[in-house]
Structures are given as structure tokens and as C-alpha cells.
Amino acid sequence: MSLRRTLDPISILEEEARAVAQCFGVAASDAIAAALIDRMIARLGGTHVYIPLGEARRREAERQLVKNEIRKRFDGTNLKELAREYSLSPRHVRRILE
């Protein structure tokens, strides 16, 4: 049996919520964790939720920084220069600017 099949996402979220509550000195950490899980089930129950790995999340944040920098630096005449500098195609830079 693979490790993925043995993980219970709800239990993991509940454990993490309890740990965060305890870190912030919340006395009723069990009640807070249970309430959070109830709210998540009410809002997300029945849907599939994808949680990217930390590395993917970091890369997405870096991509967003690059996009913001390109938007800030674009002056209307330097599209090809920005494409070269960020190792992107001019078409990709255009899509970022749209």
C-alpha cells in the first residue's frame, strides 16, 4: 500500500490546526481545530482540493514576481529586451502584459 493511501487529509489538517492554536497559546485548541474542520467540510465538502507541494508553491510565487517586474518595467518599446532578459518569448511577454 502506498503512503498516499494511508494519509487522512482531514486528520492531518486537524492536527495542524491544533498545533497552530497551541503555538498561539489558544487554550481550547481541540475545539478550535474541530471548528475549523467543520467549516472546511461545510465549504469544501464534496470537492477535490489540490494542494501543491511547497516547491511548486515557491516557484509560482517566483513566477508572479517576474510577471510583476515585467509589467512594471515595460515602457511600450522594450518587449523584446524584456523577453531576452527573462529568457521568455516575446509572445509570452505579451501575454503577461495583457
Protein backbone atom coordinates (compact mmCIF):
# COMPACT_ATOMS: atom_id res chain seq x y z
CA MET A 1 0.00 0.00 0.00
CA SER A 2 1.40 3.39 -0.92
CA LEU A 3 1.97 6.15 1.62
CA ARG A 4 -0.57 8.40 -0.12
CA ARG A 5 -3.40 5.96 0.52
CA THR A 6 -2.58 5.79 4.24
CA LEU A 7 -2.76 9.57 4.76
CA ASP A 8 -6.03 11.01 6.02
CA PRO A 9 -6.13 14.66 4.92
CA ILE A 10 -8.81 15.63 7.44
CA SER A 11 -6.80 14.20 10.34
CA ILE A 12 -3.67 15.95 9.14
CA LEU A 13 -5.47 19.29 8.84
CA GLU A 14 -6.98 18.84 12.30
CA GLU A 15 -3.57 18.03 13.82
CA GLU A 16 -2.02 21.06 12.14
CA ALA A 17 -4.85 23.37 13.24
CA ARG A 18 -4.43 22.12 16.82
CA ALA A 19 -0.67 22.68 16.68
CA VAL A 20 -1.07 26.23 15.35
CA ALA A 21 -3.65 27.03 18.03
CA GLN A 22 -1.29 25.74 20.71
CA CYS A 23 1.59 27.80 19.28
CA PHE A 24 -0.53 30.92 19.70
CA GLY A 25 -1.50 29.96 23.24
CA VAL A 26 -5.14 29.18 22.50
CA ALA A 27 -6.47 27.22 25.46
CA ALA A 28 -9.20 25.34 23.58
CA SER A 29 -7.01 24.10 20.73
CA ASP A 30 -9.06 20.90 20.28
CA ALA A 31 -12.29 22.90 19.94
CA ILE A 32 -10.67 25.36 17.53
CA ALA A 33 -9.30 22.54 15.37
CA ALA A 34 -12.67 20.77 15.29
CA ALA A 35 -14.48 24.01 14.40
CA LEU A 36 -12.02 24.68 11.57
CA ILE A 37 -12.52 21.19 10.15
CA ASP A 38 -16.31 21.60 10.36
CA ARG A 39 -16.10 24.90 8.46
CA MET A 40 -13.81 23.42 5.81
CA ILE A 41 -16.14 20.46 5.31
CA ALA A 42 -19.13 22.81 5.04
CA ARG A 43 -17.38 24.97 2.44
CA LEU A 44 -15.34 22.38 0.52
CA GLY A 45 -17.11 19.08 1.21
CA GLY A 46 -17.56 17.01 -1.93
CA THR A 47 -14.98 18.93 -3.95
CA HIS A 48 -11.49 17.86 -4.93
CA VAL A 49 -8.83 20.12 -3.46
CA TYR A 50 -5.34 20.14 -4.92
CA ILE A 51 -2.56 21.22 -2.57
CA PRO A 52 0.70 21.78 -4.44
CA LEU A 53 4.00 20.76 -2.92
CA GLY A 54 5.96 23.53 -1.25
CA GLU A 55 8.42 23.70 -4.14
CA ALA A 56 5.63 24.26 -6.66
CA ARG A 57 4.18 27.00 -4.47
CA ARG A 58 7.57 28.71 -4.22
CA ARG A 59 8.07 28.54 -7.98
CA GLU A 60 4.63 30.04 -8.57
CA ALA A 61 5.49 32.91 -6.21
CA GLU A 62 8.74 33.49 -8.12
CA ARG A 63 6.87 33.48 -11.46
CA GLN A 64 4.45 36.04 -10.08
CA LEU A 65 7.35 38.27 -9.02
CA VAL A 66 8.83 38.06 -12.53
CA LYS A 67 5.46 38.90 -14.09
CA ASN A 68 5.06 41.91 -11.81
CA GLU A 69 8.58 43.08 -12.62
CA ILE A 70 7.94 42.78 -16.37
CA ARG A 71 4.71 44.76 -16.06
CA LYS A 72 6.47 47.44 -14.05
CA ARG A 73 9.43 47.74 -16.42
CA PHE A 74 7.52 47.63 -19.70
CA ASP A 75 7.60 51.05 -21.37
CA GLY A 76 5.89 50.21 -24.66
CA THR A 77 9.10 49.77 -26.64
CA ASN A 78 11.16 47.20 -24.74
CA LEU A 79 9.18 43.98 -25.23
CA LYS A 80 11.99 42.09 -26.98
CA GLU A 81 14.56 43.33 -24.48
CA LEU A 82 12.46 42.06 -21.55
CA ALA A 83 11.90 38.74 -23.32
CA ARG A 84 15.66 38.26 -23.72
CA GLU A 85 16.42 39.36 -20.16
CA TYR A 86 13.90 36.96 -18.60
CA SER A 87 14.50 34.13 -21.12
CA LEU A 88 10.92 34.28 -22.40
CA SER A 89 9.49 34.51 -25.87
CA PRO A 90 8.12 37.91 -26.95
CA ARG A 91 4.72 36.22 -27.26
CA HIS A 92 4.87 35.10 -23.63
CA VAL A 93 5.79 38.61 -22.50
CA ARG A 94 2.81 39.95 -24.48
CA ARG A 95 0.52 37.50 -22.68
CA ILE A 96 1.90 38.67 -19.33
CA LEU A 97 1.20 42.28 -20.29
CA GLU A 98 -2.39 41.63 -21.40
